[in-house]
C-alpha atoms as a PDB file:
ATOM      1  CA  MET A   1      -9.908   9.834   2.894  1.00  0.00           C
ATOM      2  CA  LYS A   2      -6.240  10.669   2.353  1.00  0.00           C
ATOM      3  CA  THR A   3      -3.481   8.078   2.234  1.00  0.00           C
ATOM      4  CA  ASN A   4      -0.019   8.425   3.710  1.00  0.00           C
ATOM      5  CA  VAL A   5       2.090  11.156   2.123  1.00  0.00           C
ATOM      6  CA  CYS A   6       5.135   9.452   0.617  1.00  0.00           C
ATOM      7  CA  LYS A   7       8.453  11.183  -0.052  1.00  0.00           C
ATOM      8  CA  LEU A   8       9.770  10.894  -3.606  1.00  0.00           C
ATOM      9  CA  THR A   9      13.391  11.445  -4.609  1.00  0.00           C
ATOM     10  CA  ASN A  10      15.601  10.668  -7.592  1.00  0.00           C
ATOM     11  CA  ASP A  11      16.235   7.331  -5.880  1.00  0.00           C
ATOM     12  CA  LYS A  12      13.797   5.471  -8.112  1.00  0.00           C
ATOM     13  CA  SER A  13      12.996   2.916  -5.395  1.00  0.00           C
ATOM     14  CA  THR A  14      10.807   5.581  -3.733  1.00  0.00           C
ATOM     15  CA  LEU A  15       8.384   5.225  -6.658  1.00  0.00           C
ATOM     16  CA  ASP A  16       7.358   1.817  -5.281  1.00  0.00           C
ATOM     17  CA  SER A  17       5.404   3.689  -2.610  1.00  0.00           C
ATOM     18  CA  ILE A  18       3.005   4.980  -5.284  1.00  0.00           C
ATOM     19  CA  LEU A  19       1.864   1.482  -6.206  1.00  0.00           C
ATOM     20  CA  ALA A  20       1.753   0.474  -2.534  1.00  0.00           C
ATOM     21  CA  GLU A  21      -0.524   3.386  -1.639  1.00  0.00           C
ATOM     22  CA  ALA A  22      -2.815   2.570  -4.570  1.00  0.00           C
ATOM     23  CA  GLU A  23      -3.169  -0.986  -3.275  1.00  0.00           C
ATOM     24  CA  LYS A  24      -3.807   0.221   0.289  1.00  0.00           C
ATOM     25  CA  SER A  25      -6.415   2.716  -0.903  1.00  0.00           C
ATOM     26  CA  ALA A  26      -8.200   0.048  -2.953  1.00  0.00           C
ATOM     27  CA  GLU A  27      -8.255  -2.338  -0.010  1.00  0.00           C
ATOM     28  CA  TYR A  28      -9.324   0.267   2.550  1.00  0.00           C
ATOM     29  CA  ASN A  29     -12.173   1.516   0.339  1.00  0.00           C
ATOM     30  CA  LYS A  30     -13.226  -2.026  -0.637  1.00  0.00           C
ATOM     31  CA  LEU A  31     -12.962  -1.321  -4.355  1.00  0.00           C
ATOM     32  CA  SER A  32     -14.125  -3.921  -6.837  1.00  0.00           C
ATOM     33  CA  SER A  33     -11.468  -5.734  -8.883  1.00  0.00           C
ATOM     34  CA  LYS A  34     -12.253  -3.493 -11.870  1.00  0.00           C
ATOM     35  CA  GLN A  35     -12.002  -0.303  -9.798  1.00  0.00           C
ATOM     36  CA  ALA A  36      -8.788  -1.479  -8.130  1.00  0.00           C
ATOM     37  CA  LEU A  37      -7.295  -2.245 -11.553  1.00  0.00           C
ATOM     38  CA  GLN A  38      -8.154   1.232 -12.844  1.00  0.00           C
ATOM     39  CA  LEU A  39      -6.559   2.833  -9.779  1.00  0.00           C
ATOM     40  CA  ARG A  40      -3.486   0.624 -10.196  1.00  0.00           C
ATOM     41  CA  LEU A  41      -3.152   1.532 -13.890  1.00  0.00           C
ATOM     42  CA  LEU A  42      -3.323   5.245 -13.100  1.00  0.00           C
ATOM     43  CA  ALA A  43      -0.699   4.772 -10.376  1.00  0.00           C
ATOM     44  CA  GLU A  44       1.508   3.004 -12.920  1.00  0.00           C
ATOM     45  CA  GLU A  45       1.068   5.915 -15.333  1.00  0.00           C
ATOM     46  CA  MET A  46       2.158   8.283 -12.547  1.00  0.00           C
ATOM     47  CA  VAL A  47       5.213   6.104 -11.895  1.00  0.00           C
ATOM     48  CA  GLY A  48       6.032   6.198 -15.599  1.00  0.00           C
ATOM     49  CA  MET A  49       6.099   9.984 -15.850  1.00  0.00           C
ATOM     50  CA  LEU A  50       8.004  10.813 -12.652  1.00  0.00           C
ATOM     51  CA  PRO A  51      11.602   9.476 -12.945  1.00  0.00           C
ATOM     52  CA  GLU A  52      12.889  12.281 -15.189  1.00  0.00           C
ATOM     53  CA  LEU A  53      10.856  14.890 -13.300  1.00  0.00           C
ATOM     54  CA  LEU A  54      12.413  13.895  -9.972  1.00  0.00           C
ATOM     55  CA  GLU A  55      15.762  14.904 -11.428  1.00  0.00           C
ATOM     56  CA  ILE A  56      14.630  18.536 -11.127  1.00  0.00           C
ATOM     57  CA  GLY A  57      13.398  18.268  -7.531  1.00  0.00           C
ATOM     58  CA  ASP A  58      12.116  16.053  -4.744  1.00  0.00           C
ATOM     59  CA  GLY A  59       8.426  15.375  -4.349  1.00  0.00           C
ATOM     60  CA  GLU A  60       5.553  13.890  -2.399  1.00  0.00           C
ATOM     61  CA  PHE A  61       2.765  11.519  -3.419  1.00  0.00           C
ATOM     62  CA  TRP A  62      -0.630  10.724  -1.929  1.00  0.00           C
ATOM     63  CA  ILE A  63      -4.130   9.636  -2.916  1.00  0.00           C
ATOM     64  CA  GLU A  64      -7.331  11.335  -1.810  1.00  0.00           C
ATOM     65  CA  ASN A  65     -10.898  10.270  -2.320  1.00  0.00           C
ATOM     66  CA  LYS A  66     -14.340  11.603  -1.557  1.00  0.00           C
ATOM     67  CA  ASN A  67     -16.788   8.758  -2.034  1.00  0.00           C
ATOM     68  CA  SER A  68     -16.145   7.456  -5.578  1.00  0.00           C
ATOM     69  CA  GLU A  69     -14.035  10.423  -6.707  1.00  0.00           C
ATOM     70  CA  TYR A  70     -10.296   9.719  -6.544  1.00  0.00           C
ATOM     71  CA  GLU A  71      -7.267  11.933  -7.037  1.00  0.00           C
ATOM     72  CA  LEU A  72      -3.642  10.817  -7.315  1.00  0.00           C
ATOM     73  CA  HIS A  73      -1.325  13.659  -6.334  1.00  0.00           C
ATOM     74  CA  ALA A  74       2.357  14.269  -6.971  1.00  0.00           C
ATOM     75  CA  ALA A  75       3.839  17.561  -5.768  1.00  0.00           C
ATOM     76  CA  ILE A  76       7.399  18.338  -6.906  1.00  0.00           C
ATOM     77  CA  LYS A  77       9.452  21.118  -5.323  1.00  0.00           C
ATOM     78  CA  THR A  78      11.693  22.178  -8.156  1.00  0.00           C
ATOM     79  CA  LYS A  79      15.301  23.286  -8.211  1.00  0.00           C
ATOM     80  CA  ARG A  80      16.972  25.559 -10.728  1.00  0.00           C
ATOM     81  CA  MET A  81      17.851  23.658 -13.866  1.00  0.00           C
ATOM     82  CA  SER A  82      21.275  23.584 -15.467  1.00  0.00           C
ATOM     83  CA  PHE A  83      21.823  25.380 -18.765  1.00  0.00           C
ATOM     84  CA  ASP A  84      22.072  22.038 -20.585  1.00  0.00           C
ATOM     85  CA  LYS A  85      18.740  20.891 -19.128  1.00  0.00           C
ATOM     86  CA  LYS A  86      17.078  24.144 -20.173  1.00  0.00           C
ATOM     87  CA  GLU A  87      18.410  23.760 -23.699  1.00  0.00           C
ATOM     88  CA  GLU A  88      17.103  20.191 -23.859  1.00  0.00           C
ATOM     89  CA  ILE A  89      13.588  21.215 -22.824  1.00  0.00           C
ATOM     90  CA  MET A  90      13.597  24.292 -25.047  1.00  0.00           C
ATOM     91  CA  SER A  91      14.440  22.122 -28.045  1.00  0.00           C
ATOM     92  CA  MET A  92      11.489  19.849 -27.223  1.00  0.00           C
ATOM     93  CA  SER A  93       9.042  22.692 -26.652  1.00  0.00           C
ATOM     94  CA  LYS A  94       9.949  24.416 -29.928  1.00  0.00           C
ATOM     95  CA  SER A  95       8.852  21.541 -32.126  1.00  0.00           C
ATOM     96  CA  GLY A  96       5.582  19.686 -31.990  1.00  0.00           C
ATOM     97  CA  VAL A  97       7.122  17.069 -34.295  1.00  0.00           C
ATOM     98  CA  ASN A  98      10.052  16.349 -31.967  1.00  0.00           C
ATOM     99  CA  ALA A  99       9.969  12.645 -31.093  1.00  0.00           C
ATOM    100  CA  ALA A 100      10.320  13.411 -27.388  1.00  0.00           C
ATOM    101  CA  SER A 101       7.043  15.337 -27.391  1.00  0.00           C
ATOM    102  CA  LYS A 102       4.995  12.481 -28.868  1.00  0.00           C
ATOM    103  CA  GLY A 103       2.406  10.849 -26.651  1.00  0.00           C
ATOM    104  CA  ILE A 104       0.278  12.221 -23.831  1.00  0.00           C
ATOM    105  CA  ILE A 105       2.662  11.220 -21.038  1.00  0.00           C
ATOM    106  CA  ASN A 106       5.576  12.958 -22.759  1.00  0.00           C
ATOM    107  CA  LYS A 107       3.478  16.072 -23.313  1.00  0.00           C
ATOM    108  CA  ILE A 108       2.688  16.134 -19.589  1.00  0.00           C
ATOM    109  CA  LYS A 109       6.412  15.770 -18.801  1.00  0.00           C
ATOM    110  CA  ILE A 110       7.251  18.712 -21.061  1.00  0.00           C
ATOM    111  CA  VAL A 111       4.553  20.861 -19.439  1.00  0.00           C
ATOM    112  CA  VAL A 112       5.930  20.069 -15.967  1.00  0.00           C
ATOM    113  CA  GLU A 113       9.540  20.700 -16.918  1.00  0.00           C
ATOM    114  CA  SER A 114       8.659  23.917 -18.735  1.00  0.00           C
ATOM    115  CA  MET A 115       6.713  25.241 -15.762  1.00  0.00           C
ATOM    116  CA  ALA A 116       9.478  24.198 -13.376  1.00  0.00           C
ATOM    117  CA  ASP A 117      11.844  26.912 -14.464  1.00  0.00           C
ATOM    118  CA  GLY A 118       9.315  29.450 -15.659  1.00  0.00           C
ATOM    119  CA  TYR A 119      11.160  30.336 -18.830  1.00  0.00           C
ATOM    120  CA  VAL A 120       8.653  29.193 -21.452  1.00  0.00           C
ATOM    121  CA  GLU A 121       6.114  31.986 -21.841  1.00  0.00           C
ATOM    122  CA  ALA A 122       2.445  31.051 -21.476  1.00  0.00           C
ATOM    123  CA  SER A 123       1.548  32.868 -24.700  1.00  0.00           C
ATOM    124  CA  ARG A 124       3.988  30.728 -26.679  1.00  0.00           C
ATOM    125  CA  MET A 125       3.067  27.416 -25.103  1.00  0.00           C
ATOM    126  CA  SER A 126      -0.383  27.554 -26.695  1.00  0.00           C
ATOM    127  CA  ASN A 127       1.141  26.822 -30.097  1.00  0.00           C
ATOM    128  CA  GLU A 128       4.162  24.662 -29.296  1.00  0.00           C
ATOM    129  CA  ALA A 129       4.451  20.938 -28.613  1.00  0.00           C
ATOM    130  CA  GLY A 130       0.674  20.518 -28.622  1.00  0.00           C
ATOM    131  CA  TYR A 131      -0.159  21.942 -25.210  1.00  0.00           C
ATOM    132  CA  GLN A 132      -1.733  25.065 -23.827  1.00  0.00           C
ATOM    133  CA  ILE A 133      -1.708  27.034 -20.577  1.00  0.00           C
ATOM    134  CA  TYR A 134      -5.241  27.899 -19.521  1.00  0.00           C
ATOM    135  CA  ASP A 135      -6.948  30.625 -17.565  1.00  0.00           C
ATOM    136  CA  MET A 136      -7.325  29.331 -14.023  1.00  0.00           C
ATOM    137  CA  GLY A 137     -11.080  29.785 -14.213  1.00  0.00           C
ATOM    138  CA  ALA A 138     -11.181  26.908 -16.688  1.00  0.00           C
ATOM    139  CA  ILE A 139      -9.402  24.446 -14.377  1.00  0.00           C
ATOM    140  CA  ASP A 140     -11.262  22.451 -11.741  1.00  0.00           C
ATOM    141  CA  GLY A 141      -8.811  21.768  -8.914  1.00  0.00           C
ATOM    142  CA  GLY A 142     -11.124  19.217  -7.327  1.00  0.00           C
ATOM    143  CA  MET A 143     -10.164  18.445  -3.730  1.00  0.00           C
ATOM    144  CA  TYR A 144      -6.984  20.495  -4.010  1.00  0.00           C
ATOM    145  CA  SER A 145      -7.068  24.113  -2.861  1.00  0.00           C
ATOM    146  CA  ASP A 146      -3.763  25.654  -4.024  1.00  0.00           C
ATOM    147  CA  MET A 147      -4.180  28.555  -6.433  1.00  0.00           C
ATOM    148  CA  TRP A 148      -1.808  27.963  -9.321  1.00  0.00           C
ATOM    149  CA  SER A 149      -0.209  30.724 -11.355  1.00  0.00           C
ATOM    150  CA  ASN A 150      -0.305  28.485 -14.448  1.00  0.00           C
ATOM    151  CA  ALA A 151      -2.134  25.242 -15.180  1.00  0.00           C
ATOM    152  CA  TRP A 152      -2.597  22.665 -17.925  1.00  0.00           C
ATOM    153  CA  SER A 153      -5.515  20.258 -18.161  1.00  0.00           C
ATOM    154  CA  LEU A 154      -5.921  17.048 -20.150  1.00  0.00           C
ATOM    155  CA  LYS A 155      -9.677  17.683 -20.300  1.00  0.00           C
ATOM    156  CA  SER A 156      -9.085  21.114 -21.832  1.00  0.00           C
ATOM    157  CA  TYR A 157      -6.495  19.653 -24.220  1.00  0.00           C
ATOM    158  CA  ARG A 158      -9.038  17.037 -25.314  1.00  0.00           C
ATOM    159  CA  SER A 159     -11.714  19.707 -25.857  1.00  0.00           C
ATOM    160  CA  LEU A 160      -9.302  21.831 -27.889  1.00  0.00           C
ATOM    161  CA  ALA A 161      -8.320  18.846 -30.062  1.00  0.00           C
ATOM    162  CA  LYS A 162     -12.001  18.157 -30.739  1.00  0.00           C
ATOM    163  CA  LYS A 163     -12.731  21.807 -31.524  1.00  0.00           C
ATOM    164  CA  GLN A 164      -9.790  22.048 -33.915  1.00  0.00           C
ATOM    165  CA  ASP A 165     -10.472  18.602 -35.425  1.00  0.00           C
ATOM    166  CA  ASP A 166      -6.827  17.696 -34.742  1.00  0.00           C
ATOM    167  CA  ASN A 167      -6.425  14.121 -36.008  1.00  0.00           C
ATOM    168  CA  ASP A 168      -2.871  13.728 -34.669  1.00  0.00           C
ATOM    169  CA  ALA A 169      -3.953  14.793 -31.180  1.00  0.00           C
ATOM    170  CA  TRP A 170      -6.951  12.434 -31.286  1.00  0.00           C
ATOM    171  CA  ASP A 171      -4.695   9.584 -32.376  1.00  0.00           C
ATOM    172  CA  GLU A 172      -2.438  10.210 -29.373  1.00  0.00           C
ATOM    173  CA  LEU A 173      -5.408  10.431 -27.033  1.00  0.00           C
ATOM    174  CA  GLU A 174      -6.899   7.180 -28.304  1.00  0.00           C
ATOM    175  CA  LYS A 175      -3.596   5.330 -27.837  1.00  0.00           C
ATOM    176  CA  SER A 176      -2.913   6.713 -24.353  1.00  0.00           C
ATOM    177  CA  VAL A 177      -3.721   4.626 -21.274  1.00  0.00           C
ATOM    178  CA  ILE A 178      -3.997   7.660 -19.026  1.00  0.00           C
ATOM    179  CA  ALA A 179      -6.218   9.558 -21.496  1.00  0.00           C
ATOM    180  CA  ASN A 180      -8.568   6.583 -21.773  1.00  0.00           C
ATOM    181  CA  ILE A 181      -8.887   5.937 -18.031  1.00  0.00           C
ATOM    182  CA  ALA A 182      -8.464   9.286 -16.265  1.00  0.00           C
ATOM    183  CA  ASP A 183     -11.276  11.844 -16.174  1.00  0.00           C
ATOM    184  CA  ASP A 184      -8.642  14.584 -16.135  1.00  0.00           C
ATOM    185  CA  VAL A 185      -4.966  15.240 -15.502  1.00  0.00           C
ATOM    186  CA  ILE A 186      -4.035  18.663 -14.173  1.00  0.00           C
ATOM    187  CA  VAL A 187      -0.565  20.170 -13.996  1.00  0.00           C
ATOM    188  CA  GLY A 188      -0.471  23.295 -11.849  1.00  0.00           C
ATOM    189  CA  TYR A 189       2.422  25.554 -10.917  1.00  0.00           C
ATOM    190  CA  VAL A 190       2.873  28.017  -8.059  1.00  0.00           C
ATOM    191  CA  GLY A 191       6.084  29.326  -6.520  1.00  0.00           C
ATOM    192  CA  ARG A 192       8.632  26.603  -7.201  1.00  0.00           C
ATOM    193  CA  LYS A 193       6.148  23.750  -6.790  1.00  0.00           C
ATOM    194  CA  VAL A 194       4.549  21.749  -9.588  1.00  0.00           C
ATOM    195  CA  ASP A 195       1.421  19.700  -8.825  1.00  0.00           C
ATOM    196  CA  ILE A 196       0.304  16.754 -10.943  1.00  0.00           C
ATOM    197  CA  ILE A 197      -3.218  15.518 -10.216  1.00  0.00           C
ATOM    198  CA  ILE A 198      -4.826  12.524 -11.908  1.00  0.00           C
ATOM    199  CA  LYS A 199      -8.605  12.519 -11.376  1.00  0.00           C
ATOM    200  CA  LYS A 200     -10.940   9.565 -11.749  1.00  0.00           C
ATOM    201  CA  GLU A 201     -14.432   8.685 -10.578  1.00  0.00           C
ATOM    202  CA  LEU A 202     -14.400   4.966  -9.895  1.00  0.00           C
ATOM    203  CA  LYS A 203     -17.911   3.724 -10.627  1.00  0.00           C
END
């Protein structure tokens, strides 16, 4: 089942449609109160990360589900960024200790913005700001079929933090709402479009 596709712009009132579609999806699929709350919380996390990202392009939002597996989608068609915007993002991506890069949601924002203009090299991103671009074979696109040229995955980030015994990364993960509820968050890039997919099996 796929909900309505809602247009998103830098008019922040359009973000209300994300919460509305989450409520409609919960009602249509007869989710329990616990399941509906989890879907609502993930929708709120999506709302929280999008305002700044919609400054670099308009987008669309929808929810898909196959039985108990749910995906919240935001697709942003990006525009060329100004020099000042590039400098701002470059300064964030160069320092993992920069305050703006703290927290899982802010890391996701930096990944999206970096992909949006294609100027942060994949080889460098593996060591900066605590994120990594992965081989597409390691990313499960779920119900989505687009082949991305670059992708980032919360699941892969979590695995890497565990492998490297990264206490700071684990601390961020444990404090993050989206990291504690979502099964995965994928950011994929192709052409001038950035996809954000939040995946959750509602049991």
